[in-house]
C-alpha cells in the first residue's frame, strides 16, 4: 500500500484532484498536510477523492505553512462539515519533538473518525507507545524514516505500520546529477514488517512557501530499473543555461529536449505515462506551461509509476 505525502500547496492539491480516480483504483492512500489558510483548494481536492471513494489521511496539526499547529476552521469546515459522513478517511496527528502525550490522547479520544499517528521526531517511543496503547481509533502508525530509528519503531511492531522515506535529495537545480537512486521501499517494506510505504514524491520533505529564481530548470522523473532488481531511480533533466535567473521558459525547453531524447530512445527505462505523454505534447508545441505545472506533471508521473507497480 502506497502513501504519498503531500504538502497542500496549489499544484500538490491539483495533482491530488486530477489523480483521484487513479489513486482509488491502485489503492494509493495520500497523506495531505494542509499549508494554506484558504481551504478552497483543499476542499476541491477532498471532494474529488470522496467522489472516487478514495482513502486518505488528513493532517490536523500541520507542521508547516499558514496552519502550523492546526486551525479551528480545519476542524469545523472540513472535518465536521465536508467529511462528516465520509468514512474512508482518517485524521492524522503529527507527533513531533515538542508534542505532549496528553495532547495525543485527547486528540484520539475526541475524534469520531479513525486516526493516523505520524511520528516526526518524538524522542521517547516507549512512553508514547504506552500512552496510546489500547486506543481503538488509531488505524495506523506512520513513521517518517529520517526522524524515527529502527529501535524507535520496534515499540509499535504489533500495530499496522507505514514507513515514509524521502527519496528526493534537495539541492539547487543545477547541482542535481543526471541520475541517482530514489527508493527501494516499494520492494522491501513488507520484508521489514510494514503494511505500507510512502515518500514525498519528486518534491521532497523540505518545505518552502515558494521557490527561488530559476537559475536552472530541472524536470524530475522516477523510473524502475529491471537490471537493478527493480530498484527505483530518478532522472534530472537540467537546462543548459544555469547561471542567470532569466528566461525560465527557454530553459524549460532545453530541459524538455533532454527528456524527449531519453524517452524516445528505444532502450529508455522511463514509463510512458500520461504525464510523460503530456511532456511530449508540450515539446511538440514548444510551450512552457509554468514551473508549477511542470512540478505537477513530475508528481503525476511518479504516482502513475507506483500505480503501475500495484496493478492500478
Protein backbone atom coordinates (compact mmCIF):
# COMPACT_ATOMS: atom_id res chain seq x y z
CA UNK A 1 0.00 0.00 0.00
CA UNK A 2 1.48 3.34 -1.09
CA UNK A 3 1.12 6.53 1.00
CA UNK A 4 2.38 9.61 -0.89
CA UNK A 5 2.89 12.57 1.46
CA UNK A 6 1.62 15.86 0.03
CA UNK A 7 2.06 19.34 1.43
CA UNK A 8 -1.11 21.10 0.33
CA UNK A 9 0.22 23.84 -1.94
CA UNK A 10 -1.63 24.72 -5.11
CA UNK A 11 -0.15 22.23 -7.55
CA UNK A 12 0.03 19.44 -4.98
CA UNK A 13 -3.73 19.80 -4.45
CA UNK A 14 -4.33 19.90 -8.20
CA UNK A 15 -2.27 16.71 -8.55
CA UNK A 16 -4.42 15.02 -5.93
CA UNK A 17 -7.63 16.19 -7.57
CA UNK A 18 -6.65 15.09 -11.06
CA UNK A 19 -5.37 11.70 -9.90
CA UNK A 20 -8.19 10.80 -7.50
CA UNK A 21 -9.56 8.01 -9.69
CA UNK A 22 -6.10 6.60 -10.37
CA UNK A 23 -5.26 6.54 -6.67
CA UNK A 24 -8.55 4.87 -5.82
CA UNK A 25 -8.05 2.13 -8.41
CA UNK A 26 -4.47 1.45 -7.27
CA UNK A 27 -5.26 1.57 -3.53
CA UNK A 28 -3.00 4.59 -3.07
CA UNK A 29 -3.69 6.47 0.16
CA UNK A 30 -2.50 10.11 0.02
CA UNK A 31 -1.41 11.87 3.19
CA UNK A 32 -2.39 15.53 2.93
CA UNK A 33 -0.88 18.21 5.18
CA UNK A 34 -2.77 21.49 4.62
CA UNK A 35 -0.49 24.51 4.47
CA UNK A 36 -2.83 27.29 3.27
CA UNK A 37 -5.40 29.08 5.42
CA UNK A 38 -7.75 29.29 2.47
CA UNK A 39 -9.40 25.88 2.34
CA UNK A 40 -10.90 26.19 -1.15
CA UNK A 41 -8.21 24.18 -2.94
CA UNK A 42 -8.16 21.58 -0.18
CA UNK A 43 -11.93 21.22 -0.32
CA UNK A 44 -11.87 20.64 -4.08
CA UNK A 45 -9.14 18.02 -3.75
CA UNK A 46 -11.01 16.20 -0.99
CA UNK A 47 -14.26 16.32 -2.94
CA UNK A 48 -12.51 14.62 -5.87
CA UNK A 49 -11.16 11.90 -3.57
CA UNK A 50 -14.57 11.40 -1.99
CA UNK A 51 -16.24 11.08 -5.38
CA UNK A 52 -13.95 8.11 -6.10
CA UNK A 53 -14.25 6.61 -2.60
CA UNK A 54 -10.50 7.11 -2.20
CA UNK A 55 -8.97 6.58 1.21
CA UNK A 56 -6.81 9.41 2.55
CA UNK A 57 -5.17 10.80 5.67
CA UNK A 58 -5.78 14.48 6.51
CA UNK A 59 -3.19 16.00 8.85
CA UNK A 60 -4.93 18.07 11.52
CA UNK A 61 -1.90 19.73 13.15
CA UNK A 62 0.31 20.75 10.22
CA UNK A 63 3.99 21.45 10.87
CA UNK A 64 4.36 23.90 8.00
CA UNK A 65 2.69 26.85 6.36
CA UNK A 66 -0.16 29.09 7.43
CA UNK A 67 -1.92 26.41 9.50
CA UNK A 68 1.13 25.49 11.58
CA UNK A 69 -0.13 23.73 14.71
CA UNK A 70 -3.70 23.34 13.49
CA UNK A 71 -6.69 25.55 12.86
CA UNK A 72 -10.23 25.62 14.17
CA UNK A 73 -11.61 26.15 10.68
CA UNK A 74 -9.99 22.91 9.52
CA UNK A 75 -11.92 21.01 12.19
CA UNK A 76 -15.16 22.93 11.73
CA UNK A 77 -15.36 23.38 7.96
CA UNK A 78 -13.64 20.23 6.74
CA UNK A 79 -13.93 17.51 9.40
CA UNK A 80 -17.31 18.41 10.89
CA UNK A 81 -18.65 19.74 7.58
CA UNK A 82 -17.35 18.19 4.38
CA UNK A 83 -16.17 14.90 5.90
CA UNK A 84 -18.96 14.42 8.43
CA UNK A 85 -20.47 11.42 6.62
CA UNK A 86 -17.34 10.15 4.86
CA UNK A 87 -15.80 7.06 6.42
CA UNK A 88 -12.89 6.34 4.06
CA UNK A 89 -10.59 8.88 5.67
CA UNK A 90 -8.57 9.16 8.82
CA UNK A 91 -7.31 12.18 10.68
CA UNK A 92 -3.57 12.48 11.05
CA UNK A 93 -1.83 13.78 14.16
CA UNK A 94 1.86 14.66 13.87
CA UNK A 95 3.87 13.70 16.93
CA UNK A 96 7.00 15.86 16.96
CA UNK A 97 9.79 16.71 19.35
CA UNK A 98 7.64 19.04 21.49
CA UNK A 99 4.36 17.11 21.45
CA UNK A 100 2.66 16.46 24.79
CA UNK A 101 1.36 12.95 25.38
CA UNK A 102 -1.90 14.28 26.77
CA UNK A 103 -2.47 16.16 23.51
CA UNK A 104 -2.14 12.92 21.55
CA UNK A 105 -4.56 11.13 23.85
CA UNK A 106 -7.06 13.99 23.81
CA UNK A 107 -6.99 14.20 20.02
CA UNK A 108 -7.62 10.48 19.58
CA UNK A 109 -10.44 10.43 22.10
CA UNK A 110 -12.40 13.42 20.80
CA UNK A 111 -12.46 12.46 17.12
CA UNK A 112 -15.27 10.32 15.73
CA UNK A 113 -13.07 9.08 12.88
CA UNK A 114 -10.09 6.77 12.66
CA UNK A 115 -6.74 8.35 13.49
CA UNK A 116 -3.26 8.01 11.99
CA UNK A 117 -0.31 8.84 14.24
CA UNK A 118 2.51 10.42 12.22
CA UNK A 119 5.84 10.02 14.00
CA UNK A 120 8.04 13.00 13.20
CA UNK A 121 10.76 13.23 15.84
CA UNK A 122 9.16 12.43 19.20
CA UNK A 123 12.09 11.34 21.41
CA UNK A 124 10.52 8.80 23.82
CA UNK A 125 8.91 5.98 21.88
CA UNK A 126 8.24 3.77 24.89
CA UNK A 127 6.26 6.46 26.69
CA UNK A 128 4.28 7.26 23.56
CA UNK A 129 3.52 3.59 22.89
CA UNK A 130 2.23 3.23 26.44
CA UNK A 131 0.12 6.37 26.19
CA UNK A 132 -1.69 5.26 23.02
CA UNK A 133 -1.89 1.55 23.76
CA UNK A 134 -5.46 0.35 23.52
CA UNK A 135 -6.85 3.43 21.76
CA UNK A 136 -9.07 1.73 19.21
CA UNK A 137 -9.39 4.82 17.00
CA UNK A 138 -5.74 4.53 15.89
CA UNK A 139 -5.73 2.94 12.44
CA UNK A 140 -2.02 3.08 11.70
CA UNK A 141 1.34 4.46 12.76
CA UNK A 142 3.15 6.37 10.01
CA UNK A 143 6.89 6.82 10.54
CA UNK A 144 8.96 9.48 8.79
CA UNK A 145 12.11 7.43 8.33
CA UNK A 146 14.66 10.20 8.87
CA UNK A 147 13.08 11.02 12.26
CA UNK A 148 12.46 7.51 13.63
CA UNK A 149 15.13 4.89 14.26
CA UNK A 150 14.55 1.16 13.89
CA UNK A 151 14.71 0.89 17.68
CA UNK A 152 12.02 3.58 17.99
CA UNK A 153 9.77 1.78 15.52
CA UNK A 154 10.10 -1.54 17.36
CA UNK A 155 7.88 -0.14 20.11
CA UNK A 156 4.95 -0.29 17.69
CA UNK A 157 5.74 -3.60 15.99
CA UNK A 158 2.36 -5.09 16.90
CA UNK A 159 0.50 -2.25 15.15
CA UNK A 160 -0.15 -1.53 11.48
CA UNK A 161 2.89 0.46 10.39
CA UNK A 162 3.77 2.60 7.39
CA UNK A 163 7.29 3.80 6.57
CA UNK A 164 7.70 7.09 4.66
CA UNK A 165 11.19 7.79 3.31
CA UNK A 166 12.21 10.92 1.44
CA UNK A 167 13.84 9.81 -1.79
CA UNK A 168 14.31 13.29 -3.23
CA UNK A 169 17.62 14.98 -2.40
CA UNK A 170 17.10 18.73 -2.06
CA UNK A 171 19.64 20.83 -3.97
CA UNK A 172 19.67 23.74 -6.34
CA UNK A 173 18.55 22.51 -9.75
CA UNK A 174 21.95 22.96 -11.37
CA UNK A 175 23.57 20.71 -8.73
CA UNK A 176 21.49 17.61 -9.49
CA UNK A 177 23.28 14.66 -11.09
CA UNK A 178 21.78 13.18 -14.23
CA UNK A 179 20.55 10.12 -12.32
CA UNK A 180 20.56 8.86 -8.74
CA UNK A 181 18.91 6.31 -6.50
CA UNK A 182 15.41 7.18 -5.28
CA UNK A 183 13.98 4.33 -3.20
CA UNK A 184 13.81 0.58 -2.70
CA UNK A 185 10.90 0.70 -0.26
CA UNK A 186 8.40 -0.49 -2.87
CA UNK A 187 10.32 -3.79 -2.78
CA UNK A 188 11.48 -4.09 0.83
CA UNK A 189 8.72 -2.60 3.00
CA UNK A 190 6.90 -5.89 3.62
CA UNK A 191 10.16 -7.68 4.43
CA UNK A 192 10.79 -5.03 7.10
CA UNK A 193 7.39 -5.64 8.69
CA UNK A 194 5.47 -2.67 7.31
CA UNK A 195 2.00 -2.70 5.82
CA UNK A 196 2.64 0.34 3.65
CA UNK A 197 5.35 2.63 2.32
CA UNK A 198 5.49 6.22 1.22
CA UNK A 199 7.62 9.13 0.08
CA UNK A 200 7.43 12.86 -0.57
CA UNK A 201 7.15 12.27 -4.32
CA UNK A 202 9.52 14.31 -6.51
CA UNK A 203 9.26 17.35 -4.24
CA UNK A 204 10.93 16.20 -1.03
CA UNK A 205 10.29 16.80 2.65
CA UNK A 206 11.88 20.27 2.79
CA UNK A 207 9.08 22.83 2.74
CA UNK A 208 9.23 26.34 1.31
CA UNK A 209 6.36 28.72 0.59
CA UNK A 210 7.72 29.50 -2.87
CA UNK A 211 10.72 28.62 -4.99
CA UNK A 212 13.60 30.94 -5.65
CA UNK A 213 14.69 32.33 -9.02
CA UNK A 214 15.15 29.66 -11.68
CA UNK A 215 18.85 29.83 -12.49
CA UNK A 216 18.36 26.34 -13.89
CA UNK A 217 15.17 24.48 -14.76
CA UNK A 218 15.02 20.78 -13.94
CA UNK A 219 12.43 18.11 -14.74
CA UNK A 220 12.42 15.09 -12.44
CA UNK A 221 11.19 11.62 -13.48
CA UNK A 222 11.37 8.42 -11.47
CA UNK A 223 11.78 5.03 -13.12
CA UNK A 224 12.24 1.35 -12.35
CA UNK A 225 15.46 -0.35 -13.46
CA UNK A 226 14.81 -4.00 -14.23
CA UNK A 227 18.57 -4.56 -14.44
CA UNK A 228 18.93 -3.45 -10.81
CA UNK A 229 16.39 -5.78 -9.14
CA UNK A 230 13.56 -3.35 -9.97
CA UNK A 231 15.10 -0.67 -7.78
CA UNK A 232 13.79 2.88 -8.27
CA UNK A 233 15.91 5.74 -9.54
CA UNK A 234 15.27 9.35 -10.51
CA UNK A 235 16.50 11.26 -13.55
CA UNK A 236 17.05 15.00 -13.51
CA UNK A 237 16.80 16.73 -16.89
CA UNK A 238 18.54 20.08 -16.44
CA UNK A 239 18.59 23.11 -18.71
CA UNK A 240 21.83 24.01 -20.48
CA UNK A 241 21.84 27.51 -19.03
CA UNK A 242 22.33 27.62 -15.25
CA UNK A 243 23.94 30.95 -14.35
CA UNK A 244 21.19 33.56 -14.75
CA UNK A 245 17.59 33.74 -13.47
CA UNK A 246 16.27 34.88 -16.84
CA UNK A 247 14.15 33.09 -19.46
CA UNK A 248 12.66 30.17 -17.48
CA UNK A 249 10.54 29.25 -20.49
CA UNK A 250 13.55 28.83 -22.73
CA UNK A 251 15.36 26.87 -20.06
CA UNK A 252 12.36 24.57 -19.67
CA UNK A 253 12.51 23.76 -23.37
CA UNK A 254 16.21 22.93 -23.01
CA UNK A 255 15.48 20.50 -20.17
CA UNK A 256 12.46 19.15 -22.02
CA UNK A 257 14.58 18.33 -25.08
CA UNK A 258 16.76 16.10 -22.90
CA UNK A 259 13.67 14.37 -21.52
CA UNK A 260 12.30 13.77 -25.02
CA UNK A 261 15.63 12.40 -26.26
CA UNK A 262 15.72 9.99 -23.33
CA UNK A 263 12.09 8.87 -23.56
CA UNK A 264 12.26 8.29 -27.31
CA UNK A 265 15.42 6.19 -27.04
CA UNK A 266 14.47 2.58 -27.89
CA UNK A 267 16.19 1.42 -24.69
CA UNK A 268 14.54 4.01 -22.45
CA UNK A 269 13.50 2.83 -18.99
CA UNK A 270 11.03 5.67 -18.49
CA UNK A 271 7.38 4.60 -18.23
CA UNK A 272 5.26 6.13 -21.00
CA UNK A 273 2.83 7.59 -18.50
CA UNK A 274 0.10 10.08 -19.30
CA UNK A 275 2.32 12.72 -17.70
CA UNK A 276 5.23 11.81 -19.97
CA UNK A 277 2.94 11.95 -22.99
CA UNK A 278 1.94 15.45 -21.93
CA UNK A 279 5.61 16.42 -21.72
CA UNK A 280 5.98 15.15 -25.29
CA UNK A 281 2.99 17.25 -26.39
CA UNK A 282 4.49 20.34 -24.73
CA UNK A 283 7.69 19.69 -26.66
CA UNK A 284 5.81 19.35 -29.94
CA UNK A 285 4.10 22.68 -29.30
CA UNK A 286 7.18 24.40 -27.91
CA UNK A 287 5.06 25.50 -24.97
CA UNK A 288 6.11 26.42 -21.41
CA UNK A 289 3.15 25.90 -19.01
CA UNK A 290 4.85 27.36 -15.92
CA UNK A 291 7.13 25.77 -13.34
CA UNK A 292 4.26 24.77 -11.05
CA UNK A 293 2.65 22.80 -13.85
CA UNK A 294 5.96 21.10 -14.60
CA UNK A 295 6.18 20.03 -10.96
CA UNK A 296 2.62 18.71 -11.17
CA UNK A 297 3.44 16.52 -14.17
CA UNK A 298 6.52 15.18 -12.40
CA UNK A 299 4.43 14.22 -9.36
CA UNK A 300 1.75 12.68 -11.56
CA UNK A 301 4.32 10.56 -13.36
CA UNK A 302 5.57 9.23 -10.03
CA UNK A 303 2.02 8.34 -8.98
CA UNK A 304 1.44 6.60 -12.31
CA UNK A 305 4.69 4.66 -11.88
CA UNK A 306 3.71 3.42 -8.41
CA UNK A 307 0.19 2.65 -9.63
CA UNK A 308 1.66 0.50 -12.41
CA UNK A 309 3.56 -1.49 -9.79
CA UNK A 310 0.39 -2.01 -7.76
CA UNK A 311 -1.73 -3.04 -10.72
CA UNK A 312 -3.63 0.26 -10.96
